[in-house]
């Protein structure tokens, strides 16, 4: 079985339920292609002022919520700030 290496989903103005639906569809598509998304290595981040945590799952595994992530040399943060590595 192959694994996804890197994927960023951006769900603008979406509810938690809509994000869960997107993740479910991604999981289904990956499964159909013989691929697996590792729920233990997958994180979710929301960019908004609401401090309430969100719950998103993949195949019964609850994804951890992060406050920042690094992608292609830039760090993106939950408060919509970003910084670039030099």
Protein backbone atom coordinates (compact mmCIF):
# COMPACT_ATOMS: atom_id res chain seq x y z
CA UNK A 1 0.00 0.00 0.00
CA UNK A 2 1.28 3.48 -0.87
CA UNK A 3 0.96 6.57 1.32
CA UNK A 4 0.26 10.20 0.50
CA UNK A 5 3.49 12.15 0.94
CA UNK A 6 2.13 15.67 1.35
CA UNK A 7 -1.25 17.25 0.88
CA UNK A 8 -2.80 20.50 2.08
CA UNK A 9 -6.55 20.94 1.96
CA UNK A 10 -7.92 24.43 2.15
CA UNK A 11 -11.59 24.74 3.01
CA UNK A 12 -12.41 28.43 3.04
CA UNK A 13 -15.55 29.52 4.93
CA UNK A 14 -16.35 25.89 5.68
CA UNK A 15 -17.95 24.38 8.73
CA UNK A 16 -16.41 21.53 10.67
CA UNK A 17 -18.94 19.20 9.03
CA UNK A 18 -18.00 20.39 5.53
CA UNK A 19 -14.30 19.87 6.30
CA UNK A 20 -15.07 16.36 7.57
CA UNK A 21 -16.93 15.65 4.32
CA UNK A 22 -13.92 16.82 2.26
CA UNK A 23 -11.57 14.63 4.32
CA UNK A 24 -13.95 11.66 3.94
CA UNK A 25 -13.99 12.10 0.16
CA UNK A 26 -10.19 12.36 0.06
CA UNK A 27 -9.92 9.19 2.14
CA UNK A 28 -12.34 7.35 -0.16
CA UNK A 29 -10.44 8.46 -3.29
CA UNK A 30 -7.11 7.42 -1.75
CA UNK A 31 -8.53 4.03 -0.80
CA UNK A 32 -9.84 3.48 -4.34
CA UNK A 33 -6.31 4.17 -5.65
CA UNK A 34 -4.75 1.75 -3.16
CA UNK A 35 -3.29 4.54 -1.04
CA UNK A 36 -3.55 5.26 2.67
CA UNK A 37 -3.63 8.50 4.67
CA UNK A 38 -1.79 8.07 7.97
CA UNK A 39 -4.12 9.57 10.56
CA UNK A 40 -1.37 9.63 13.20
CA UNK A 41 0.78 11.90 11.01
CA UNK A 42 -2.05 14.05 9.66
CA UNK A 43 -2.98 17.32 11.37
CA UNK A 44 -5.74 19.87 11.01
CA UNK A 45 -5.47 23.63 11.49
CA UNK A 46 -8.17 26.27 11.42
CA UNK A 47 -7.56 29.95 10.81
CA UNK A 48 -10.12 31.96 12.77
CA UNK A 49 -10.78 33.68 16.08
CA UNK A 50 -12.95 30.87 17.49
CA UNK A 51 -10.94 29.08 20.22
CA UNK A 52 -13.21 26.01 20.19
CA UNK A 53 -11.22 22.98 18.99
CA UNK A 54 -12.39 21.12 15.91
CA UNK A 55 -12.70 17.37 15.54
CA UNK A 56 -11.90 15.75 12.20
CA UNK A 57 -11.30 12.02 11.73
CA UNK A 58 -9.85 9.70 9.12
CA UNK A 59 -10.90 6.04 9.32
CA UNK A 60 -11.81 6.45 13.00
CA UNK A 61 -8.54 8.22 13.92
CA UNK A 62 -9.04 11.72 15.34
CA UNK A 63 -6.62 14.18 13.75
CA UNK A 64 -4.59 16.39 16.06
CA UNK A 65 -5.12 20.12 15.78
CA UNK A 66 -2.02 22.25 15.23
CA UNK A 67 -1.44 25.99 15.57
CA UNK A 68 1.14 26.18 12.75
CA UNK A 69 2.69 24.16 9.94
CA UNK A 70 5.71 24.52 7.71
CA UNK A 71 5.32 24.07 3.96
CA UNK A 72 7.78 24.91 1.20
CA UNK A 73 9.91 27.08 3.48
CA UNK A 74 7.05 29.09 4.97
CA UNK A 75 5.43 28.75 8.36
CA UNK A 76 1.67 29.31 8.32
CA UNK A 77 -0.08 30.03 11.63
CA UNK A 78 -3.62 29.77 12.98
CA UNK A 79 -3.92 33.57 13.32
CA UNK A 80 -3.35 33.96 9.54
CA UNK A 81 0.23 35.15 9.94
CA UNK A 82 3.05 33.59 7.95
CA UNK A 83 6.81 33.76 7.96
CA UNK A 84 9.42 32.64 5.44
CA UNK A 85 12.62 30.82 6.23
CA UNK A 86 15.71 32.47 4.86
